[in-house]
């Protein structure tokens, strides 16, 4: 839990409450009331009073330095402003300019914070509830708290702090509710609608505690609600008097006006679940308790003049140069890799296409090979074709002129590279010696012959010997070139 010193800064006195705040709520520890001078007209007087405050806190056993200050609602001015629809981070400056214009003061003469107002379908403009306080008030607080050795971290107003305490009793903030806080003769009226404070006003009763002036303020609050939320009525009214200051007359007026919608709250009974130790800090007010609740467990948007609402613009990411260089190198490498991949893929595609074309051509060649081979054989046969007349003339020149033998059958076929023609057939002779003489003659003529068996010829008794003929007439060798004589 965090130690916090909450101070209610009233015109004639300061009420200081030492507390511990955390997720479990608020634990009140001690409280003390310190009278304060109406005015501090010199730095020396401020120093003296600050030291007096430090001594009083030490005497009460309060050593906490982290300080939250709560100003009465009467010290602040509220205005409902229509603002243009601009980005959230531009809104604070626009609200400041409008508030300063309405107040007729320069912008540095006031300190400002604002609360967003829920949108209403009947109102086209965007609205905010602006809270302003004199900048001189902050200077005065700082001049007194500094000598007291206190760390000042926040400045709120009592109306929003009381509203923070009231929502614990209401339970829900969906419907409009009026919160009336009384501390002595001072009254503060605050309207909560859709989880936002949309109206805040302060008034003061007469010395006789006459409640009649409150009637006009209630009417003012009802009209203000109609301005921010057209057609809506108050769902509940919460009356929170401080300890021992309950006014039966005020309760009677509120009961007559609002009937069962009125809820009277005793903070020391109705707020004990989240605020503990009321007996240890008897001087603690509802406003101080609400400010402490807002510090640890806020349920409503609040006002803080030291920490005003300033939405940050979207962060513009600034890329370091080394990151840009790295990104450029990565992009270059990626492009190079892509180009290499594309080149390799193109070459692989071309190779695949060439292989397909080669395969198709080979299939074509394979299909045409029989025709091609046949054509070659035909051409070879045509080249080696031998005319029968020429063959016969050649045979006549080779065979001897004799009546000793004759051919009974003759066939010829094309020769090879060495032979011109091959001649086969059958012969008949008078005697075996005629075949021997024929073989001798053929050898002299350079005719190649295959030896064949000699048999009988029963068809011709005059030529009783038969033999098969199988000879090959050789091609004529080309003439050798004439030798050239060497000159002497």
Protein backbone atom coordinates (compact mmCIF):
# COMPACT_ATOMS: atom_id res chain seq x y z
CA UNK A 1 0.00 0.00 0.00
CA UNK A 2 1.04 3.63 -0.59
CA UNK A 3 1.26 6.32 2.08
CA UNK A 4 -0.73 9.46 1.23
CA UNK A 5 -1.35 12.69 3.11
CA UNK A 6 -4.69 14.22 2.04
CA UNK A 7 -5.26 17.90 2.92
CA UNK A 8 -8.59 19.74 2.62
CA UNK A 9 -7.57 23.35 1.88
CA UNK A 10 -10.37 25.50 3.32
CA UNK A 11 -10.24 29.29 3.66
CA UNK A 12 -9.70 29.25 7.44
CA UNK A 13 -8.12 25.88 8.17
CA UNK A 14 -6.42 22.79 6.79
CA UNK A 15 -7.62 19.27 7.57
CA UNK A 16 -4.86 16.72 7.09
CA UNK A 17 -5.50 12.95 7.00
CA UNK A 18 -2.72 10.38 6.91
CA UNK A 19 -3.82 7.21 5.08
CA UNK A 20 -2.66 4.06 3.29
CA UNK A 21 -4.18 3.40 -0.13
CA UNK A 22 -4.09 0.23 -2.18
CA UNK A 23 -6.14 -2.26 -4.17
CA UNK A 24 -8.10 -3.23 -1.03
CA UNK A 25 -9.28 0.33 -0.38
CA UNK A 26 -8.29 3.09 2.04
CA UNK A 27 -6.99 2.70 5.59
CA UNK A 28 -7.25 5.94 7.58
CA UNK A 29 -4.42 6.34 10.10
CA UNK A 30 -4.46 9.80 11.68
CA UNK A 31 -5.94 13.25 11.20
CA UNK A 32 -5.20 16.77 12.39
CA UNK A 33 -6.74 20.23 11.87
CA UNK A 34 -4.42 23.22 11.45
CA UNK A 35 -5.57 26.83 11.39
CA UNK A 36 -4.23 28.84 8.49
CA UNK A 37 -3.86 32.57 7.91
CA UNK A 38 -6.39 34.19 5.64
CA UNK A 39 -3.62 35.75 3.52
CA UNK A 40 0.12 35.27 3.21
CA UNK A 41 1.51 38.59 2.04
CA UNK A 42 5.23 37.82 1.91
CA UNK A 43 7.64 34.93 1.31
CA UNK A 44 8.81 35.25 4.92
CA UNK A 45 5.28 34.78 6.22
CA UNK A 46 4.82 31.79 3.94
CA UNK A 47 8.05 30.26 5.23
CA UNK A 48 7.01 30.75 8.85
CA UNK A 49 3.59 29.24 8.33
CA UNK A 50 5.01 26.30 6.37
CA UNK A 51 7.38 25.50 9.21
CA UNK A 52 4.46 25.73 11.63
CA UNK A 53 2.52 23.21 9.53
CA UNK A 54 5.49 20.85 9.53
CA UNK A 55 5.72 21.06 13.31
CA UNK A 56 2.01 20.37 13.74
CA UNK A 57 2.19 17.33 11.50
CA UNK A 58 5.21 15.98 13.35
CA UNK A 59 3.47 16.56 16.68
CA UNK A 60 0.51 14.51 15.41
CA UNK A 61 2.88 11.71 14.40
CA UNK A 62 2.37 12.22 10.65
CA UNK A 63 5.56 11.70 8.62
CA UNK A 64 4.09 11.03 5.18
CA UNK A 65 5.43 13.44 2.54
CA UNK A 66 3.39 12.50 -0.55
CA UNK A 67 0.56 15.05 -0.42
CA UNK A 68 -2.79 15.41 -2.22
CA UNK A 69 -4.59 18.73 -1.81
CA UNK A 70 -8.37 19.12 -2.07
CA UNK A 71 -9.81 22.56 -2.82
CA UNK A 72 -13.44 23.48 -2.05
CA UNK A 73 -15.71 23.54 -5.08
CA UNK A 74 -16.40 27.24 -4.44
CA UNK A 75 -12.79 28.12 -5.37
CA UNK A 76 -13.19 26.66 -8.86
CA UNK A 77 -15.25 27.80 -11.85
CA UNK A 78 -17.02 25.29 -14.08
CA UNK A 79 -18.23 25.84 -17.65
CA UNK A 80 -19.93 23.54 -20.12
CA UNK A 81 -18.05 24.13 -23.39
CA UNK A 82 -18.80 23.11 -26.94
CA UNK A 83 -15.56 22.10 -28.65
CA UNK A 84 -14.78 21.05 -32.22
CA UNK A 85 -14.32 17.42 -33.08
CA UNK A 86 -10.51 17.32 -32.98
CA UNK A 87 -8.03 14.59 -31.98
CA UNK A 88 -7.87 14.01 -28.22
CA UNK A 89 -4.32 15.35 -27.86
CA UNK A 90 -5.36 18.73 -29.35
CA UNK A 91 -8.36 19.13 -27.06
CA UNK A 92 -6.59 20.48 -23.89
CA UNK A 93 -5.26 23.56 -25.70
CA UNK A 94 -8.63 24.27 -27.32
CA UNK A 95 -10.39 23.97 -23.93
CA UNK A 96 -7.79 26.30 -22.37
CA UNK A 97 -8.32 28.95 -25.04
CA UNK A 98 -12.11 28.80 -24.74
CA UNK A 99 -12.04 28.86 -20.93
CA UNK A 100 -9.65 31.82 -20.88
CA UNK A 101 -11.85 33.66 -23.40
CA UNK A 102 -14.98 33.03 -21.32
CA UNK A 103 -13.20 34.22 -18.15
CA UNK A 104 -11.68 37.25 -19.86
CA UNK A 105 -8.25 36.32 -18.52
CA UNK A 106 -4.95 35.41 -20.15
CA UNK A 107 -4.26 31.70 -20.43
CA UNK A 108 -1.43 31.74 -17.87
CA UNK A 109 -3.68 33.31 -15.22
CA UNK A 110 -5.76 30.16 -14.78
CA UNK A 111 -5.06 26.50 -14.16
CA UNK A 112 -7.40 24.13 -15.95
CA UNK A 113 -8.60 20.57 -16.20
CA UNK A 114 -11.70 19.19 -17.87
CA UNK A 115 -14.03 16.20 -17.89
CA UNK A 116 -15.50 14.65 -21.05
CA UNK A 117 -19.30 14.78 -21.25
CA UNK A 118 -21.18 11.77 -22.72
CA UNK A 119 -22.51 12.35 -26.22
CA UNK A 120 -26.20 13.18 -26.63
CA UNK A 121 -28.09 12.38 -29.83
CA UNK A 122 -29.96 15.68 -29.54
CA UNK A 123 -26.71 17.70 -29.45
CA UNK A 124 -24.40 17.65 -32.46
CA UNK A 125 -21.45 19.37 -30.78
CA UNK A 126 -18.83 17.69 -28.65
CA UNK A 127 -18.92 18.92 -25.03
CA UNK A 128 -16.61 19.05 -22.02
CA UNK A 129 -17.07 20.29 -18.46
CA UNK A 130 -14.13 22.61 -17.79
CA UNK A 131 -12.84 23.34 -14.25
CA UNK A 132 -10.61 26.40 -13.77
CA UNK A 133 -8.90 27.81 -10.70
CA UNK A 134 -6.72 30.88 -10.28
CA UNK A 135 -3.04 30.15 -10.89
CA UNK A 136 -2.33 32.28 -7.79
CA UNK A 137 -3.94 29.55 -5.67
CA UNK A 138 -1.32 27.06 -6.84
CA UNK A 139 1.48 29.50 -6.11
CA UNK A 140 0.14 30.02 -2.60
CA UNK A 141 -0.16 26.27 -1.93
CA UNK A 142 3.33 25.63 -3.18
CA UNK A 143 4.80 28.42 -1.08
CA UNK A 144 3.20 26.95 2.08
CA UNK A 145 3.78 23.24 1.40
CA UNK A 146 7.42 23.66 0.40
CA UNK A 147 8.65 24.80 3.84
CA UNK A 148 6.56 22.03 5.39
CA UNK A 149 8.78 19.52 3.54
CA UNK A 150 5.80 17.98 1.74
CA UNK A 151 5.84 16.48 -1.76
CA UNK A 152 2.82 17.96 -3.52
CA UNK A 153 1.53 15.58 -6.22
CA UNK A 154 -2.15 16.43 -6.82
CA UNK A 155 -4.83 19.12 -6.57
CA UNK A 156 -8.50 18.10 -6.89
CA UNK A 157 -11.89 19.68 -6.09
CA UNK A 158 -14.37 18.47 -3.48
CA UNK A 159 -17.32 17.95 -5.87
CA UNK A 160 -15.63 15.23 -7.97
CA UNK A 161 -14.13 13.66 -4.82
CA UNK A 162 -17.57 13.42 -3.16
CA UNK A 163 -18.98 11.94 -6.40
CA UNK A 164 -16.29 9.25 -6.26
CA UNK A 165 -17.48 8.30 -2.76
CA UNK A 166 -21.17 8.49 -3.78
CA UNK A 167 -20.85 5.94 -6.60
CA UNK A 168 -19.97 3.33 -3.96
CA UNK A 169 -23.48 3.84 -2.54
CA UNK A 170 -25.22 4.12 -5.92
CA UNK A 171 -23.64 0.94 -7.25
CA UNK A 172 -24.29 2.01 -10.85
CA UNK A 173 -23.82 5.27 -12.75
CA UNK A 174 -25.85 4.42 -15.85
CA UNK A 175 -28.80 6.61 -14.81
CA UNK A 176 -28.57 10.31 -13.78
CA UNK A 177 -28.06 10.88 -10.06
CA UNK A 178 -27.78 14.10 -8.07
CA UNK A 179 -25.26 14.15 -5.20
CA UNK A 180 -25.75 16.82 -2.51
CA UNK A 181 -22.88 17.27 -0.07
CA UNK A 182 -23.22 19.48 2.99
CA UNK A 183 -20.34 20.65 5.16
CA UNK A 184 -21.59 23.25 7.58
CA UNK A 185 -23.44 25.96 5.67
CA UNK A 186 -21.71 25.03 2.41
CA UNK A 187 -23.62 22.88 -0.10
CA UNK A 188 -22.26 21.28 -3.25
CA UNK A 189 -24.50 19.80 -5.99
CA UNK A 190 -23.04 17.33 -8.49
CA UNK A 191 -24.81 15.33 -11.22
CA UNK A 192 -23.42 11.97 -12.36
CA UNK A 193 -24.66 10.62 -15.71
CA UNK A 194 -23.37 7.61 -17.65
CA UNK A 195 -20.29 7.37 -15.47
CA UNK A 196 -19.27 11.04 -15.81
CA UNK A 197 -19.68 14.20 -13.75
CA UNK A 198 -21.75 16.50 -16.00
CA UNK A 199 -22.71 19.27 -13.57
CA UNK A 200 -21.17 20.82 -10.48
CA UNK A 201 -22.25 23.81 -8.43
CA UNK A 202 -21.64 25.22 -4.95
CA UNK A 203 -23.84 27.43 -2.75
CA UNK A 204 -24.07 28.56 0.83
CA UNK A 205 -26.98 28.53 3.25
CA UNK A 206 -27.90 31.45 5.44
CA UNK A 207 -26.81 31.65 9.04
CA UNK A 208 -30.20 30.31 10.12
CA UNK A 209 -29.64 27.23 7.94
CA UNK A 210 -32.71 28.14 5.86
CA UNK A 211 -33.10 25.48 3.13
CA UNK A 212 -35.20 27.62 0.80
CA UNK A 213 -32.27 28.83 -1.34
CA UNK A 214 -31.61 25.15 -2.08
CA UNK A 215 -34.85 24.96 -4.09
CA UNK A 216 -33.48 27.29 -6.77
CA UNK A 217 -30.22 25.31 -6.92
CA UNK A 218 -32.13 22.06 -7.41
CA UNK A 219 -34.02 23.63 -10.31
CA UNK A 220 -30.71 24.81 -11.76
CA UNK A 221 -29.36 21.26 -11.56
CA UNK A 222 -32.46 19.84 -13.30
CA UNK A 223 -32.13 22.35 -16.15
CA UNK A 224 -28.41 21.57 -16.49
CA UNK A 225 -29.18 17.86 -16.80
CA UNK A 226 -31.62 18.60 -19.63
CA UNK A 227 -28.88 20.52 -21.43
CA UNK A 228 -26.36 17.68 -21.37
CA UNK A 229 -28.84 14.78 -21.70
CA UNK A 230 -32.04 15.79 -23.41
CA UNK A 231 -35.25 14.35 -21.95
CA UNK A 232 -33.60 12.62 -18.96
CA UNK A 233 -34.76 12.93 -15.35
CA UNK A 234 -32.96 12.24 -12.09
CA UNK A 235 -33.11 8.59 -11.12
CA UNK A 236 -31.81 9.07 -7.54
CA UNK A 237 -30.73 11.86 -5.21
CA UNK A 238 -27.94 11.18 -2.72
CA UNK A 239 -27.69 13.50 0.28
CA UNK A 240 -24.36 13.24 2.18
CA UNK A 241 -24.09 15.47 5.26
CA UNK A 242 -20.87 15.55 7.25
CA UNK A 243 -20.82 14.16 10.79
CA UNK A 244 -23.16 15.93 13.28
CA UNK A 245 -24.31 18.41 10.62
CA UNK A 246 -27.45 16.73 9.40
CA UNK A 247 -30.25 19.18 8.72
CA UNK A 248 -33.75 17.85 9.24
CA UNK A 249 -35.13 20.77 7.27
CA UNK A 250 -33.01 19.93 4.22
CA UNK A 251 -33.94 16.27 4.43
CA UNK A 252 -37.64 17.22 4.63
CA UNK A 253 -37.32 19.46 1.56
CA UNK A 254 -35.54 16.77 -0.44
CA UNK A 255 -37.98 14.08 0.68
CA UNK A 256 -40.94 16.20 -0.37
CA UNK A 257 -39.41 16.91 -3.78
CA UNK A 258 -37.95 13.51 -4.66
CA UNK A 259 -39.79 11.02 -2.47
CA UNK A 260 -38.38 7.49 -2.58
CA UNK A 261 -35.60 8.56 -4.93
CA UNK A 262 -33.80 10.22 -1.99
CA UNK A 263 -30.94 8.31 -0.35
CA UNK A 264 -29.37 9.75 2.84
CA UNK A 265 -25.80 8.52 3.35
CA UNK A 266 -23.86 8.31 6.60
CA UNK A 267 -20.28 7.80 5.34
CA UNK A 268 -19.07 6.20 8.57
CA UNK A 269 -21.69 3.49 8.11
CA UNK A 270 -22.25 3.21 4.35
CA UNK A 271 -18.60 3.51 3.22
CA UNK A 272 -16.89 1.17 5.69
CA UNK A 273 -16.34 -1.61 3.11
CA UNK A 274 -13.71 0.39 1.21
CA UNK A 275 -12.76 3.03 3.80
CA UNK A 276 -11.59 1.73 7.16
CA UNK A 277 -10.35 3.51 10.28
CA UNK A 278 -12.89 6.32 10.60
CA UNK A 279 -12.35 6.27 14.36
CA UNK A 280 -8.56 6.76 13.99
CA UNK A 281 -9.13 9.84 11.79
CA UNK A 282 -12.22 11.60 13.19
CA UNK A 283 -11.54 14.79 11.22
CA UNK A 284 -11.67 13.02 7.85
CA UNK A 285 -14.43 14.37 5.61
CA UNK A 286 -16.33 12.54 2.86
CA UNK A 287 -14.50 14.62 0.26
CA UNK A 288 -11.07 13.58 1.58
CA UNK A 289 -12.16 9.93 1.66
CA UNK A 290 -13.41 10.20 -1.93
CA UNK A 291 -10.10 11.73 -3.07
CA UNK A 292 -8.20 8.85 -1.48
CA UNK A 293 -10.53 6.34 -3.18
CA UNK A 294 -9.92 8.04 -6.53
CA UNK A 295 -6.18 7.67 -5.98
CA UNK A 296 -6.31 3.88 -5.65
CA UNK A 297 -9.68 2.68 -7.01
CA UNK A 298 -11.19 5.33 -9.35
CA UNK A 299 -14.64 4.72 -10.81
CA UNK A 300 -15.23 8.17 -12.32
CA UNK A 301 -13.02 10.50 -14.39
CA UNK A 302 -11.63 13.06 -11.96
CA UNK A 303 -10.10 16.53 -11.94
CA UNK A 304 -6.47 17.17 -11.02
CA UNK A 305 -5.00 20.62 -11.67
CA UNK A 306 -1.43 19.39 -11.12
CA UNK A 307 -1.91 16.38 -13.38
CA UNK A 308 -4.46 17.65 -15.94
CA UNK A 309 -5.86 15.50 -18.69
CA UNK A 310 -3.36 15.60 -21.58
CA UNK A 311 -3.78 12.69 -23.98
CA UNK A 312 -0.56 11.93 -25.77
CA UNK A 313 -0.45 12.06 -29.56
CA UNK A 314 0.26 8.80 -31.36
CA UNK A 315 3.89 7.96 -31.08
CA UNK A 316 5.75 8.58 -34.30
CA UNK A 317 8.14 5.75 -34.69
CA UNK A 318 11.59 7.05 -35.54
CA UNK A 319 13.63 4.40 -37.23
CA UNK A 320 17.36 4.55 -36.42
CA UNK A 321 19.76 4.84 -39.31
CA UNK A 322 21.36 1.50 -38.54
CA UNK A 323 17.92 -0.12 -38.72
CA UNK A 324 17.25 1.55 -42.05
CA UNK A 325 20.63 0.41 -43.36
CA UNK A 326 19.98 -3.10 -42.11
CA UNK A 327 16.55 -3.12 -43.73
CA UNK A 328 18.03 -1.86 -47.01
CA UNK A 329 20.69 -4.58 -46.90
CA UNK A 330 18.05 -7.22 -46.18
CA UNK A 331 15.92 -5.95 -49.07
CA UNK A 332 18.97 -5.98 -51.36
CA UNK A 333 19.82 -9.54 -50.35
CA UNK A 334 16.22 -10.62 -50.82
CA UNK A 335 16.10 -9.01 -54.28
CA UNK A 336 19.44 -10.63 -55.19
CA UNK A 337 18.23 -14.00 -53.98
CA UNK A 338 14.98 -13.57 -55.88
CA UNK A 339 16.85 -12.59 -59.06
CA UNK A 340 19.17 -15.59 -58.71
CA UNK A 341 16.23 -17.89 -58.08
CA UNK A 342 14.37 -16.44 -61.06
CA UNK A 343 17.44 -16.86 -63.31
CA UNK A 344 18.02 -20.44 -62.19
CA UNK A 345 14.32 -21.20 -62.59
CA UNK A 346 14.38 -19.72 -66.11
CA UNK A 347 17.44 -21.76 -67.06
CA UNK A 348 15.92 -24.90 -65.59
CA UNK A 349 12.74 -24.23 -67.55
CA UNK A 350 14.75 -23.79 -70.76
CA UNK A 351 16.71 -27.00 -70.06
CA UNK A 352 13.49 -28.88 -69.42
CA UNK A 353 12.02 -27.49 -72.66
CA UNK A 354 15.16 -28.49 -74.59
CA UNK A 355 15.00 -31.99 -73.12
CA UNK A 356 11.36 -32.28 -74.10
CA UNK A 357 12.16 -31.12 -77.64
CA UNK A 358 15.10 -33.57 -77.87
CA UNK A 359 12.86 -36.37 -76.60
CA UNK A 360 10.21 -35.50 -79.18
CA UNK A 361 12.81 -35.40 -81.97
CA UNK A 362 14.25 -38.73 -80.85
CA UNK A 363 10.78 -40.26 -80.86
CA UNK A 364 10.30 -38.88 -84.35
CA UNK A 365 13.63 -40.35 -85.46
CA UNK A 366 12.79 -43.68 -83.87
CA UNK A 367 9.46 -43.71 -85.68
CA UNK A 368 11.16 -42.91 -89.03
CA UNK A 369 14.15 -45.23 -88.61
CA UNK A 370 12.58 -48.21 -90.40
CA UNK A 371 11.68 -46.01 -93.34
CA UNK A 372 15.13 -44.43 -93.30
CA UNK A 373 16.84 -47.83 -93.18
CA UNK A 374 14.65 -49.10 -96.01
CA UNK A 375 15.50 -46.04 -98.04
CA UNK A 376 19.20 -46.67 -97.43
CA UNK A 377 18.89 -50.26 -98.50
CA UNK A 378 16.97 -49.19 -101.57
CA UNK A 379 19.56 -46.60 -102.45
CA UNK A 380 22.35 -49.14 -101.89
CA UNK A 381 20.52 -51.65 -104.07
CA UNK A 382 20.01 -49.04 -106.74
CA UNK A 383 23.71 -48.13 -106.56
CA UNK A 384 24.76 -51.77 -106.91
CA UNK A 385 22.17 -52.76 -109.51
CA UNK A 386 23.81 -54.64 -112.42
CA UNK A 387 22.35 -54.64 -115.85
CA UNK A 388 21.66 -58.20 -117.13
CA UNK A 389 23.19 -57.34 -120.53
CA UNK A 390 26.39 -56.06 -118.99
CA UNK A 391 26.51 -59.06 -116.70
CA UNK A 392 26.04 -61.46 -119.56
CA UNK A 393 28.71 -59.76 -121.64
CA UNK A 394 31.06 -59.99 -118.68
CA UNK A 395 30.21 -63.65 -118.22
CA UNK A 396 30.80 -64.35 -121.89
CA UNK A 397 34.22 -62.81 -121.67
CA UNK A 398 35.06 -64.91 -118.66
CA UNK A 399 33.70 -68.29 -119.79
CA UNK A 400 35.87 -70.16 -122.31
CA UNK A 401 34.61 -70.62 -125.88
CA UNK A 402 34.14 -74.41 -126.13
CA UNK A 403 31.46 -76.95 -126.92
CA UNK A 404 32.65 -79.09 -124.13
CA UNK A 405 30.19 -77.58 -121.64
CA UNK A 406 27.09 -75.35 -121.47
CA UNK A 407 24.84 -73.63 -118.94
CA UNK A 408 21.49 -75.16 -118.22
CA UNK A 409 20.45 -72.41 -115.68
CA UNK A 410 21.94 -69.06 -114.72
CA UNK A 411 21.01 -66.47 -111.99
CA UNK A 412 22.77 -63.35 -110.82
CA UNK A 413 22.52 -61.03 -107.86
CA UNK A 414 24.18 -57.71 -106.88
CA UNK A 415 27.62 -58.03 -105.53
CA UNK A 416 29.31 -56.39 -102.53
CA UNK A 417 31.94 -53.71 -102.19
CA UNK A 418 34.55 -56.03 -103.82
CA UNK A 419 32.42 -57.93 -106.31
CA UNK A 420 30.42 -56.63 -109.21
CA UNK A 421 27.98 -59.48 -109.48
CA UNK A 422 27.46 -63.00 -108.16
CA UNK A 423 26.45 -65.63 -110.73
CA UNK A 424 24.97 -68.97 -109.85
CA UNK A 425 23.58 -71.69 -112.01
CA UNK A 426 23.91 -75.25 -113.30
CA UNK A 427 26.31 -76.59 -116.01
CA UNK A 428 26.65 -79.76 -118.01
CA UNK A 429 29.95 -81.09 -119.49
CA UNK A 430 31.22 -83.98 -121.54
CA UNK A 431 33.85 -84.86 -118.97
CA UNK A 432 34.99 -83.95 -115.49
CA UNK A 433 38.18 -82.55 -116.92
CA UNK A 434 36.14 -79.87 -118.63
CA UNK A 435 35.15 -78.46 -115.24
CA UNK A 436 38.74 -78.54 -114.07
CA UNK A 437 39.83 -76.65 -117.18
CA UNK A 438 37.00 -74.13 -116.62
CA UNK A 439 38.13 -73.52 -113.03
CA UNK A 440 41.68 -72.95 -114.26
CA UNK A 441 40.46 -70.41 -116.79
CA UNK A 442 38.33 -68.57 -114.23
CA UNK A 443 41.28 -68.29 -111.89
CA UNK A 444 43.33 -66.73 -114.68
CA UNK A 445 40.57 -64.21 -115.37
CA UNK A 446 40.44 -63.20 -111.64
CA UNK A 447 37.00 -64.64 -111.05
CA UNK A 448 36.28 -65.84 -107.54
CA UNK A 449 34.61 -69.23 -107.48
CA UNK A 450 33.17 -71.50 -104.88
CA UNK A 451 34.04 -75.17 -105.32
CA UNK A 452 30.97 -77.34 -105.98
CA UNK A 453 30.47 -81.10 -106.17
CA UNK A 454 30.36 -82.77 -109.55
CA UNK A 455 27.49 -85.11 -110.31
CA UNK A 456 25.71 -86.87 -113.18
CA UNK A 457 23.37 -85.37 -115.75
CA UNK A 458 20.77 -87.95 -116.81
CA UNK A 459 18.93 -85.45 -119.04
CA UNK A 460 21.65 -85.16 -121.68
CA UNK A 461 23.66 -88.32 -122.42
CA UNK A 462 26.15 -86.37 -124.53
CA UNK A 463 26.89 -84.20 -121.54
CA UNK A 464 26.67 -86.68 -118.71
CA UNK A 465 28.55 -84.65 -116.09
CA UNK A 466 26.72 -81.86 -114.13
CA UNK A 467 28.08 -79.27 -111.73
CA UNK A 468 26.66 -76.22 -109.95
CA UNK A 469 28.19 -72.84 -110.82
CA UNK A 470 28.87 -70.19 -108.08
CA UNK A 471 31.23 -67.43 -109.13
CA UNK A 472 31.71 -63.71 -108.27
CA UNK A 473 33.08 -61.27 -110.80
CA UNK A 474 35.36 -58.78 -109.06
CA UNK A 475 35.12 -55.01 -109.59
CA UNK A 476 37.86 -53.38 -111.59
CA UNK A 477 40.37 -51.64 -109.31
CA UNK A 478 40.79 -47.89 -109.97
CA UNK A 479 43.87 -46.98 -111.95
CA UNK A 480 46.86 -45.96 -109.88
CA UNK A 481 48.04 -42.39 -110.42
CA UNK A 482 51.00 -42.02 -112.69
CA UNK A 483 54.30 -41.57 -110.91
CA UNK A 484 55.95 -38.20 -111.44
CA UNK A 485 59.56 -38.16 -112.41
CA UNK A 486 61.88 -36.21 -110.28
CA UNK A 487 63.89 -33.59 -112.07
CA UNK A 488 67.67 -34.22 -112.04
